[in-house]
Amino acid sequence: MAAFGEKIRNLRKKAGLTLDQLAERTESSKSYIWELENKNPPRPSAEKIARIAAALGVTGDYLMSNDGDLQSAEDEAFFRKYQGLDPAVKERIRKMTDIMGD
């Protein structure tokens, strides 16, 4: 399984983000993100892990664990966002999934 820094780098590239863009989205510096991707062991705060995970569409648990799969982490992050949505938006999403599932 990929290490913490590798996961961040791979997810950042998959999302088409530069170091600068991820840094901006997580209220970090470019050098801090670079350090997380390249230094071993990283020592990020729980708050930074949560911000990075949210920016990359996964969970903090996924970033920090040695196991787990990306698809499950993406699904869990999606459902966390979904839970905080307005009920009308949730209804539209449910209707769209019904249409797409047919």
PDB file of N, CA and C in Angstrom:
ATOM      1  N   MET A   1       0.848  -1.185   0.000  1.00  0.00           N
ATOM      2  CA  MET A   1       0.000   0.000   0.000  1.00  0.00           C
ATOM      3  C   MET A   1       0.886   1.238   0.000  1.00  0.00           C
ATOM      4  N   ALA A   2       0.413   2.267  -0.617  1.00  0.00           N
ATOM      5  CA  ALA A   2       1.179   3.510  -0.739  1.00  0.00           C
ATOM      6  C   ALA A   2       1.313   4.205   0.617  1.00  0.00           C
ATOM      7  N   ALA A   3       2.442   4.860   0.782  1.00  0.00           N
ATOM      8  CA  ALA A   3       2.695   5.641   1.990  1.00  0.00           C
ATOM      9  C   ALA A   3       1.884   6.938   1.938  1.00  0.00           C
ATOM     10  N   PHE A   4       1.799   7.596   3.097  1.00  0.00           N
ATOM     11  CA  PHE A   4       1.047   8.846   3.241  1.00  0.00           C
ATOM     12  C   PHE A   4       1.390   9.850   2.135  1.00  0.00           C
ATOM     13  N   GLY A   5       2.660  10.155   1.975  1.00  0.00           N
ATOM     14  CA  GLY A   5       3.087  11.140   0.979  1.00  0.00           C
ATOM     15  C   GLY A   5       2.757  10.722  -0.442  1.00  0.00           C
ATOM     16  N   GLU A   6       2.931   9.447  -0.728  1.00  0.00           N
ATOM     17  CA  GLU A   6       2.600   8.919  -2.054  1.00  0.00           C
ATOM     18  C   GLU A   6       1.112   9.066  -2.350  1.00  0.00           C
ATOM     19  N   LYS A   7       0.293   8.784  -1.337  1.00  0.00           N
ATOM     20  CA  LYS A   7      -1.152   8.905  -1.518  1.00  0.00           C
ATOM     21  C   LYS A   7      -1.526  10.346  -1.851  1.00  0.00           C
ATOM     22  N   ILE A   8      -0.958  11.288  -1.105  1.00  0.00           N
ATOM     23  CA  ILE A   8      -1.266  12.695  -1.370  1.00  0.00           C
ATOM     24  C   ILE A   8      -0.841  13.063  -2.783  1.00  0.00           C
ATOM     25  N   ARG A   9       0.391  12.720  -3.160  1.00  0.00           N
ATOM     26  CA  ARG A   9       0.895  13.055  -4.497  1.00  0.00           C
ATOM     27  C   ARG A   9       0.035  12.425  -5.590  1.00  0.00           C
ATOM     28  N   ASN A  10      -0.286  11.141  -5.435  1.00  0.00           N
ATOM     29  CA  ASN A  10      -1.086  10.449  -6.451  1.00  0.00           C
ATOM     30  C   ASN A  10      -2.488  11.052  -6.576  1.00  0.00           C
ATOM     31  N   LEU A  11      -3.122  11.332  -5.446  1.00  0.00           N
ATOM     32  CA  LEU A  11      -4.462  11.920  -5.476  1.00  0.00           C
ATOM     33  C   LEU A  11      -4.429  13.344  -6.022  1.00  0.00           C
ATOM     34  N   ARG A  12      -3.398  14.091  -5.663  1.00  0.00           N
ATOM     35  CA  ARG A  12      -3.262  15.468  -6.163  1.00  0.00           C
ATOM     36  C   ARG A  12      -3.126  15.458  -7.680  1.00  0.00           C
ATOM     37  N   LYS A  13      -2.290  14.582  -8.189  1.00  0.00           N
ATOM     38  CA  LYS A  13      -2.100  14.496  -9.643  1.00  0.00           C
ATOM     39  C   LYS A  13      -3.368  13.991 -10.338  1.00  0.00           C
ATOM     40  N   LYS A  14      -4.040  13.018  -9.724  1.00  0.00           N
ATOM     41  CA  LYS A  14      -5.293  12.504 -10.286  1.00  0.00           C
ATOM     42  C   LYS A  14      -6.324  13.619 -10.410  1.00  0.00           C
ATOM     43  N   ALA A  15      -6.329  14.527  -9.419  1.00  0.00           N
ATOM     44  CA  ALA A  15      -7.266  15.653  -9.430  1.00  0.00           C
ATOM     45  C   ALA A  15      -6.795  16.790 -10.324  1.00  0.00           C
ATOM     46  N   GLY A  16      -5.583  16.669 -10.879  1.00  0.00           N
ATOM     47  CA  GLY A  16      -5.049  17.707 -11.756  1.00  0.00           C
ATOM     48  C   GLY A  16      -4.630  18.961 -11.004  1.00  0.00           C
ATOM     49  N   LEU A  17      -4.244  18.799  -9.748  1.00  0.00           N
ATOM     50  CA  LEU A  17      -3.856  19.940  -8.928  1.00  0.00           C
ATOM     51  C   LEU A  17      -2.339  20.077  -8.849  1.00  0.00           C
ATOM     52  N   THR A  18      -1.874  21.306  -8.846  1.00  0.00           N
ATOM     53  CA  THR A  18      -0.461  21.571  -8.601  1.00  0.00           C
ATOM     54  C   THR A  18      -0.242  21.634  -7.088  1.00  0.00           C
ATOM     55  N   LEU A  19       1.020  21.656  -6.690  1.00  0.00           N
ATOM     56  CA  LEU A  19       1.324  21.833  -5.269  1.00  0.00           C
ATOM     57  C   LEU A  19       0.716  23.139  -4.761  1.00  0.00           C
ATOM     58  N   ASP A  20       0.845  24.199  -5.570  1.00  0.00           N
ATOM     59  CA  ASP A  20       0.287  25.504  -5.190  1.00  0.00           C
ATOM     60  C   ASP A  20      -1.224  25.435  -4.988  1.00  0.00           C
ATOM     61  N   GLN A  21      -1.918  24.772  -5.894  1.00  0.00           N
ATOM     62  CA  GLN A  21      -3.379  24.700  -5.806  1.00  0.00           C
ATOM     63  C   GLN A  21      -3.831  23.923  -4.585  1.00  0.00           C
ATOM     64  N   LEU A  22      -3.167  22.791  -4.301  1.00  0.00           N
ATOM     65  CA  LEU A  22      -3.533  22.025  -3.115  1.00  0.00           C
ATOM     66  C   LEU A  22      -3.202  22.820  -1.860  1.00  0.00           C
ATOM     67  N   ALA A  23      -2.085  23.498  -1.869  1.00  0.00           N
ATOM     68  CA  ALA A  23      -1.710  24.332  -0.720  1.00  0.00           C
ATOM     69  C   ALA A  23      -2.763  25.405  -0.461  1.00  0.00           C
ATOM     70  N   GLU A  24      -3.212  26.051  -1.523  1.00  0.00           N
ATOM     71  CA  GLU A  24      -4.228  27.104  -1.381  1.00  0.00           C
ATOM     72  C   GLU A  24      -5.531  26.537  -0.825  1.00  0.00           C
ATOM     73  N   ARG A  25      -5.952  25.385  -1.328  1.00  0.00           N
ATOM     74  CA  ARG A  25      -7.218  24.778  -0.892  1.00  0.00           C
ATOM     75  C   ARG A  25      -7.171  24.290   0.547  1.00  0.00           C
ATOM     76  N   THR A  26      -5.969  24.050   1.054  1.00  0.00           N
ATOM     77  CA  THR A  26      -5.832  23.518   2.410  1.00  0.00           C
ATOM     78  C   THR A  26      -5.250  24.541   3.379  1.00  0.00           C
ATOM     79  N   GLU A  27      -5.130  25.791   2.911  1.00  0.00           N
ATOM     80  CA  GLU A  27      -4.566  26.864   3.731  1.00  0.00           C
ATOM     81  C   GLU A  27      -3.192  26.480   4.264  1.00  0.00           C
ATOM     82  N   SER A  28      -2.368  25.960   3.353  1.00  0.00           N
ATOM     83  CA  SER A  28      -1.009  25.537   3.661  1.00  0.00           C
ATOM     84  C   SER A  28      -0.061  26.248   2.718  1.00  0.00           C
ATOM     85  N   SER A  29       1.219  26.032   2.908  1.00  0.00           N
ATOM     86  CA  SER A  29       2.199  26.566   1.969  1.00  0.00           C
ATOM     87  C   SER A  29       2.576  25.459   0.980  1.00  0.00           C
ATOM     88  N   LYS A  30       3.072  25.870  -0.163  1.00  0.00           N
ATOM     89  CA  LYS A  30       3.524  24.911  -1.173  1.00  0.00           C
ATOM     90  C   LYS A  30       4.628  24.029  -0.588  1.00  0.00           C
ATOM     91  N   SER A  31       5.534  24.640   0.166  1.00  0.00           N
ATOM     92  CA  SER A  31       6.646  23.874   0.731  1.00  0.00           C
ATOM     93  C   SER A  31       6.151  22.844   1.750  1.00  0.00           C
ATOM     94  N   TYR A  32       5.089  23.177   2.482  1.00  0.00           N
ATOM     95  CA  TYR A  32       4.532  22.229   3.450  1.00  0.00           C
ATOM     96  C   TYR A  32       3.953  21.013   2.727  1.00  0.00           C
ATOM     97  N   ILE A  33       3.200  21.248   1.665  1.00  0.00           N
ATOM     98  CA  ILE A  33       2.629  20.130   0.897  1.00  0.00           C
ATOM     99  C   ILE A  33       3.751  19.295   0.295  1.00  0.00           C
ATOM    100  N   TRP A  34       4.779  19.956  -0.232  1.00  0.00           N
ATOM    101  CA  TRP A  34       5.918  19.226  -0.802  1.00  0.00           C
ATOM    102  C   TRP A  34       6.560  18.356   0.270  1.00  0.00           C
ATOM    103  N   GLU A  35       6.731  18.908   1.466  1.00  0.00           N
ATOM    104  CA  GLU A  35       7.320  18.152   2.569  1.00  0.00           C
ATOM    105  C   GLU A  35       6.488  16.926   2.907  1.00  0.00           C
ATOM    106  N   LEU A  36       5.171  17.098   2.967  1.00  0.00           N
ATOM    107  CA  LEU A  36       4.306  15.957   3.261  1.00  0.00           C
ATOM    108  C   LEU A  36       4.440  14.873   2.202  1.00  0.00           C
ATOM    109  N   GLU A  37       4.569  15.277   0.959  1.00  0.00           N
ATOM    110  CA  GLU A  37       4.687  14.299  -0.126  1.00  0.00           C
ATOM    111  C   GLU A  37       6.047  13.607  -0.154  1.00  0.00           C
ATOM    112  N   ASN A  38       7.081  14.277   0.337  1.00  0.00           N
ATOM    113  CA  ASN A  38       8.436  13.777   0.123  1.00  0.00           C
ATOM    114  C   ASN A  38       9.236  13.416   1.371  1.00  0.00           C
ATOM    115  N   LYS A  39       8.831  13.854   2.539  1.00  0.00           N
ATOM    116  CA  LYS A  39       9.582  13.559   3.766  1.00  0.00           C
ATOM    117  C   LYS A  39       8.976  12.351   4.465  1.00  0.00           C
ATOM    118  N   ASN A  40       9.812  11.620   5.169  1.00  0.00           N
ATOM    119  CA  ASN A  40       9.322  10.464   5.899  1.00  0.00           C
ATOM    120  C   ASN A  40       9.909  10.481   7.296  1.00  0.00           C
ATOM    121  N   PRO A  41       9.180  10.400   8.364  1.00  0.00           N
ATOM    122  CA  PRO A  41       7.724  10.364   8.399  1.00  0.00           C
ATOM    123  C   PRO A  41       7.131  11.770   8.450  1.00  0.00           C
ATOM    124  N   PRO A  42       5.988  11.962   7.841  1.00  0.00           N
ATOM    125  CA  PRO A  42       5.326  13.263   7.928  1.00  0.00           C
ATOM    126  C   PRO A  42       4.743  13.451   9.324  1.00  0.00           C
ATOM    127  N   ARG A  43       4.579  14.682   9.721  1.00  0.00           N
ATOM    128  CA  ARG A  43       4.011  14.974  11.042  1.00  0.00           C
ATOM    129  C   ARG A  43       2.915  16.042  10.937  1.00  0.00           C
ATOM    130  N   PRO A  44       1.897  15.776  10.134  1.00  0.00           N
ATOM    131  CA  PRO A  44       0.823  16.764   9.993  1.00  0.00           C
ATOM    132  C   PRO A  44      -0.135  16.741  11.182  1.00  0.00           C
ATOM    133  N   SER A  45      -0.761  17.865  11.425  1.00  0.00           N
ATOM    134  CA  SER A  45      -1.782  17.929  12.472  1.00  0.00           C
ATOM    135  C   SER A  45      -3.059  17.264  11.952  1.00  0.00           C
ATOM    136  N   ALA A  46      -3.935  16.919  12.876  1.00  0.00           N
ATOM    137  CA  ALA A  46      -5.218  16.319  12.490  1.00  0.00           C
ATOM    138  C   ALA A  46      -6.011  17.283  11.616  1.00  0.00           C
ATOM    139  N   GLU A  47      -5.926  18.578  11.921  1.00  0.00           N
ATOM    140  CA  GLU A  47      -6.638  19.584  11.125  1.00  0.00           C
ATOM    141  C   GLU A  47      -6.126  19.606   9.686  1.00  0.00           C
ATOM    142  N   LYS A  48      -4.807  19.547   9.506  1.00  0.00           N
ATOM    143  CA  LYS A  48      -4.243  19.551   8.152  1.00  0.00           C
ATOM    144  C   LYS A  48      -4.629  18.285   7.401  1.00  0.00           C
ATOM    145  N   ILE A  49      -4.594  17.159   8.082  1.00  0.00           N
ATOM    146  CA  ILE A  49      -4.992  15.898   7.438  1.00  0.00           C
ATOM    147  C   ILE A  49      -6.432  16.002   6.953  1.00  0.00           C
ATOM    148  N   ALA A  50      -7.306  16.538   7.792  1.00  0.00           N
ATOM    149  CA  ALA A  50      -8.719  16.677   7.417  1.00  0.00           C
ATOM    150  C   ALA A  50      -8.879  17.605   6.225  1.00  0.00           C
ATOM    151  N   ARG A  51      -8.155  18.716   6.197  1.00  0.00           N
ATOM    152  CA  ARG A  51      -8.253  19.658   5.073  1.00  0.00           C
ATOM    153  C   ARG A  51      -7.729  19.047   3.780  1.00  0.00           C
ATOM    154  N   ILE A  52      -6.611  18.353   3.870  1.00  0.00           N
ATOM    155  CA  ILE A  52      -6.033  17.719   2.679  1.00  0.00           C
ATOM    156  C   ILE A  52      -6.974  16.631   2.167  1.00  0.00           C
ATOM    157  N   ALA A  53      -7.491  15.816   3.071  1.00  0.00           N
ATOM    158  CA  ALA A  53      -8.414  14.755   2.670  1.00  0.00           C
ATOM    159  C   ALA A  53      -9.645  15.342   1.989  1.00  0.00           C
ATOM    160  N   ALA A  54     -10.205  16.392   2.559  1.00  0.00           N
ATOM    161  CA  ALA A  54     -11.398  17.012   1.965  1.00  0.00           C
ATOM    162  C   ALA A  54     -11.077  17.576   0.587  1.00  0.00           C
ATOM    163  N   ALA A  55      -9.937  18.212   0.440  1.00  0.00           N
ATOM    164  CA  ALA A  55      -9.556  18.791  -0.856  1.00  0.00           C
ATOM    165  C   ALA A  55      -9.339  17.716  -1.914  1.00  0.00           C
ATOM    166  N   LEU A  56      -8.937  16.524  -1.469  1.00  0.00           N
ATOM    167  CA  LEU A  56      -8.662  15.435  -2.406  1.00  0.00           C
ATOM    168  C   LEU A  56      -9.826  14.459  -2.533  1.00  0.00           C
ATOM    169  N   GLY A  57     -10.910  14.697  -1.798  1.00  0.00           N
ATOM    170  CA  GLY A  57     -12.105  13.862  -1.921  1.00  0.00           C
ATOM    171  C   GLY A  57     -11.996  12.490  -1.298  1.00  0.00           C
ATOM    172  N   VAL A  58     -11.191  12.368  -0.235  1.00  0.00           N
ATOM    173  CA  VAL A  58     -11.069  11.105   0.490  1.00  0.00           C
ATOM    174  C   VAL A  58     -11.213  11.392   1.978  1.00  0.00           C
ATOM    175  N   THR A  59     -10.986  10.393   2.794  1.00  0.00           N
ATOM    176  CA  THR A  59     -11.044  10.580   4.241  1.00  0.00           C
ATOM    177  C   THR A  59      -9.636  10.656   4.812  1.00  0.00           C
ATOM    178  N   GLY A  60      -9.538  11.271   5.969  1.00  0.00           N
ATOM    179  CA  GLY A  60      -8.262  11.312   6.665  1.00  0.00           C
ATOM    180  C   GLY A  60      -7.790   9.913   7.040  1.00  0.00           C
ATOM    181  N   ASP A  61      -8.738   9.060   7.385  1.00  0.00           N
ATOM    182  CA  ASP A  61      -8.391   7.672   7.719  1.00  0.00           C
ATOM    183  C   ASP A  61      -7.691   6.988   6.554  1.00  0.00           C
ATOM    184  N   TYR A  62      -8.178   7.229   5.351  1.00  0.00           N
ATOM    185  CA  TYR A  62      -7.556   6.620   4.175  1.00  0.00           C
ATOM    186  C   TYR A  62      -6.111   7.105   4.026  1.00  0.00           C
ATOM    187  N   LEU A  63      -5.899   8.411   4.178  1.00  0.00           N
ATOM    188  CA  LEU A  63      -4.547   8.948   4.022  1.00  0.00           C
ATOM    189  C   LEU A  63      -3.580   8.363   5.041  1.00  0.00           C
ATOM    190  N   MET A  64      -4.052   8.179   6.264  1.00  0.00           N
ATOM    191  CA  MET A  64      -3.165   7.748   7.341  1.00  0.00           C
ATOM    192  C   MET A  64      -3.026   6.231   7.464  1.00  0.00           C
ATOM    193  N   SER A  65      -3.924   5.475   6.864  1.00  0.00           N
ATOM    194  CA  SER A  65      -3.890   4.022   7.039  1.00  0.00           C
ATOM    195  C   SER A  65      -2.948   3.353   6.047  1.00  0.00           C
ATOM    196  N   ASN A  66      -2.544   2.166   6.427  1.00  0.00           N
ATOM    197  CA  ASN A  66      -1.722   1.354   5.532  1.00  0.00           C
ATOM    198  C   ASN A  66      -2.570   0.419   4.699  1.00  0.00           C
ATOM    199  N   ASP A  67      -3.856   0.376   4.984  1.00  0.00           N
ATOM    200  CA  ASP A  67      -4.755  -0.471   4.201  1.00  0.00           C
ATOM    201  C   ASP A  67      -5.962   0.359   3.796  1.00  0.00           C
ATOM    202  N   GLY A  68      -6.936  -0.266   3.260  1.00  0.00           N
ATOM    203  CA  GLY A  68      -8.115   0.453   2.771  1.00  0.00           C
ATOM    204  C   GLY A  68      -7.966   0.719   1.289  1.00  0.00           C
ATOM    205  N   ASP A  69      -9.088   0.888   0.647  1.00  0.00           N
ATOM    206  CA  ASP A  69      -9.008   1.129  -0.795  1.00  0.00           C
ATOM    207  C   ASP A  69      -9.549   2.513  -1.128  1.00  0.00           C
ATOM    208  N   LEU A  70      -9.059   3.044  -2.202  1.00  0.00           N
ATOM    209  CA  LEU A  70      -9.393   4.397  -2.625  1.00  0.00           C
ATOM    210  C   LEU A  70     -10.879   4.554  -2.888  1.00  0.00           C
ATOM    211  N   GLN A  71     -11.500   3.596  -3.553  1.00  0.00           N
ATOM    212  CA  GLN A  71     -12.925   3.695  -3.882  1.00  0.00           C
ATOM    213  C   GLN A  71     -13.773   3.853  -2.623  1.00  0.00           C
ATOM    214  N   SER A  72     -13.491   3.078  -1.608  1.00  0.00           N
ATOM    215  CA  SER A  72     -14.242   3.177  -0.354  1.00  0.00           C
ATOM    216  C   SER A  72     -14.027   4.531   0.306  1.00  0.00           C
ATOM    217  N   ALA A  73     -12.798   5.035   0.269  1.00  0.00           N
ATOM    218  CA  ALA A  73     -12.493   6.331   0.876  1.00  0.00           C
ATOM    219  C   ALA A  73     -13.213   7.455   0.135  1.00  0.00           C
ATOM    220  N   GLU A  74     -13.258   7.374  -1.192  1.00  0.00           N
ATOM    221  CA  GLU A  74     -13.971   8.385  -1.980  1.00  0.00           C
ATOM    222  C   GLU A  74     -15.471   8.333  -1.692  1.00  0.00           C
ATOM    223  N   ASP A  75     -16.006   7.120  -1.598  1.00  0.00           N
ATOM    224  CA  ASP A  75     -17.434   6.960  -1.293  1.00  0.00           C
ATOM    225  C   ASP A  75     -17.762   7.538   0.079  1.00  0.00           C
ATOM    226  N   GLU A  76     -16.934   7.229   1.064  1.00  0.00           N
ATOM    227  CA  GLU A  76     -17.181   7.726   2.417  1.00  0.00           C
ATOM    228  C   GLU A  76     -17.117   9.253   2.460  1.00  0.00           C
ATOM    229  N   ALA A  77     -16.137   9.839   1.754  1.00  0.00           N
ATOM    230  CA  ALA A  77     -16.035  11.302   1.712  1.00  0.00           C
ATOM    231  C   ALA A  77     -17.269  11.904   1.037  1.00  0.00           C
ATOM    232  N   PHE A  78     -17.754  11.270  -0.031  1.00  0.00           N
ATOM    233  CA  PHE A  78     -18.951  11.740  -0.714  1.00  0.00           C
ATOM    234  C   PHE A  78     -20.158  11.715   0.226  1.00  0.00           C
ATOM    235  N   PHE A  79     -20.331  10.612   0.939  1.00  0.00           N
ATOM    236  CA  PHE A  79     -21.493  10.489   1.825  1.00  0.00           C
ATOM    237  C   PHE A  79     -21.427  11.481   2.979  1.00  0.00           C
ATOM    238  N   ARG A  80     -20.247  11.805   3.439  1.00  0.00           N
ATOM    239  CA  ARG A  80     -20.120  12.829   4.485  1.00  0.00           C
ATOM    240  C   ARG A  80     -20.580  14.186   3.956  1.00  0.00           C
ATOM    241  N   LYS A  81     -20.187  14.511   2.731  1.00  0.00           N
ATOM    242  CA  LYS A  81     -20.642  15.770   2.121  1.00  0.00           C
ATOM    243  C   LYS A  81     -22.153  15.744   1.927  1.00  0.00           C
ATOM    244  N   TYR A  82     -22.656  14.620   1.443  1.00  0.00           N
ATOM    245  CA  TYR A  82     -24.081  14.455   1.176  1.00  0.00           C
ATOM    246  C   TYR A  82     -24.908  14.701   2.438  1.00  0.00           C
ATOM    247  N   GLN A  83     -24.462  14.188   3.557  1.00  0.00           N
ATOM    248  CA  GLN A  83     -25.205  14.333   4.810  1.00  0.00           C
ATOM    249  C   GLN A  83     -25.401  15.794   5.196  1.00  0.00           C
ATOM    250  N   GLY A  84     -24.494  16.666   4.801  1.00  0.00           N
ATOM    251  CA  GLY A  84     -24.604  18.067   5.152  1.00  0.00           C
ATOM    252  C   GLY A  84     -25.371  18.916   4.158  1.00  0.00           C
ATOM    253  N   LEU A  85     -25.884  18.299   3.105  1.00  0.00           N
ATOM    254  CA  LEU A  85     -26.587  19.053   2.070  1.00  0.00           C
ATOM    255  C   LEU A  85     -28.009  19.400   2.485  1.00  0.00           C
ATOM    256  N   ASP A  86     -28.527  20.413   1.855  1.00  0.00           N
ATOM    257  CA  ASP A  86     -29.912  20.825   2.025  1.00  0.00           C
ATOM    258  C   ASP A  86     -30.820  19.674   1.549  1.00  0.00           C
ATOM    259  N   PRO A  87     -31.952  19.441   2.220  1.00  0.00           N
ATOM    260  CA  PRO A  87     -32.851  18.350   1.824  1.00  0.00           C
ATOM    261  C   PRO A  87     -33.294  18.407   0.360  1.00  0.00           C
ATOM    262  N   ALA A  88     -33.497  19.599  -0.176  1.00  0.00           N
ATOM    263  CA  ALA A  88     -33.911  19.710  -1.582  1.00  0.00           C
ATOM    264  C   ALA A  88     -32.795  19.231  -2.519  1.00  0.00           C
ATOM    265  N   VAL A  89     -31.573  19.525  -2.183  1.00  0.00           N
ATOM    266  CA  VAL A  89     -30.437  19.077  -2.990  1.00  0.00           C
ATOM    267  C   VAL A  89     -30.313  17.560  -2.902  1.00  0.00           C
ATOM    268  N   LYS A  90     -30.492  17.019  -1.701  1.00  0.00           N
ATOM    269  CA  LYS A  90     -30.451  15.562  -1.532  1.00  0.00           C
ATOM    270  C   LYS A  90     -31.508  14.886  -2.407  1.00  0.00           C
ATOM    271  N   GLU A  91     -32.691  15.463  -2.447  1.00  0.00           N
ATOM    272  CA  GLU A  91     -33.770  14.896  -3.261  1.00  0.00           C
ATOM    273  C   GLU A  91     -33.391  14.886  -4.737  1.00  0.00           C
ATOM    274  N   ARG A  92     -32.796  15.974  -5.218  1.00  0.00           N
ATOM    275  CA  ARG A  92     -32.364  16.031  -6.631  1.00  0.00           C
ATOM    276  C   ARG A  92     -31.296  14.972  -6.912  1.00  0.00           C
ATOM    277  N   ILE A  93     -30.381  14.794  -5.990  1.00  0.00           N
ATOM    278  CA  ILE A  93     -29.340  13.778  -6.168  1.00  0.00           C
ATOM    279  C   ILE A  93     -29.955  12.386  -6.214  1.00  0.00           C
ATOM    280  N   ARG A  94     -30.898  12.115  -5.326  1.00  0.00           N
ATOM    281  CA  ARG A  94     -31.568  10.807  -5.335  1.00  0.00           C
ATOM    282  C   ARG A  94     -32.283  10.570  -6.653  1.00  0.00           C
ATOM    283  N   LYS A  95     -32.969  11.598  -7.182  1.00  0.00           N
ATOM    284  CA  LYS A  95     -33.652  11.439  -8.467  1.00  0.00           C
ATOM    285  C   LYS A  95     -32.658  11.187  -9.594  1.00  0.00           C
ATOM    286  N   MET A  96     -31.525  11.894  -9.568  1.00  0.00           N
ATOM    287  CA  MET A  96     -30.514  11.684 -10.609  1.00  0.00           C
ATOM    288  C   MET A  96     -29.965  10.254 -10.554  1.00  0.00           C
ATOM    289  N   THR A  97     -29.736   9.733  -9.341  1.00  0.00           N
ATOM    290  CA  THR A  97     -29.217   8.370  -9.251  1.00  0.00           C
ATOM    291  C   THR A  97     -30.267   7.346  -9.704  1.00  0.00           C
ATOM    292  N   ASP A  98     -31.547   7.637  -9.455  1.00  0.00           N
ATOM    293  CA  ASP A  98     -32.591   6.750  -9.956  1.00  0.00           C
ATOM    294  C   ASP A  98     -32.576   6.704 -11.474  1.00  0.00           C
ATOM    295  N   ILE A  99     -32.436   7.850 -12.099  1.00  0.00           N
ATOM    296  CA  ILE A  99     -32.407   7.931 -13.562  1.00  0.00           C
ATOM    297  C   ILE A  99     -31.177   7.228 -14.121  1.00  0.00           C
ATOM    298  N   MET A 100     -30.046   7.457 -13.493  1.00  0.00           N
ATOM    299  CA  MET A 100     -28.784   6.864 -13.966  1.00  0.00           C
ATOM    300  C   MET A 100     -28.726   5.359 -13.740  1.00  0.00           C
ATOM    301  N   GLY A 101     -29.438   4.886 -12.719  1.00  0.00           N
ATOM    302  CA  GLY A 101     -29.424   3.470 -12.389  1.00  0.00           C
ATOM    303  C   GLY A 101     -30.299   2.615 -13.276  1.00  0.00           C
ATOM    304  N   ASP A 102     -31.189   3.254 -14.036  1.00  0.00           N
ATOM    305  CA  ASP A 102     -32.103   2.491 -14.903  1.00  0.00           C
ATOM    306  C   ASP A 102     -31.449   2.026 -16.165  1.00  0.00           C
TER     307      ASP A 102
END
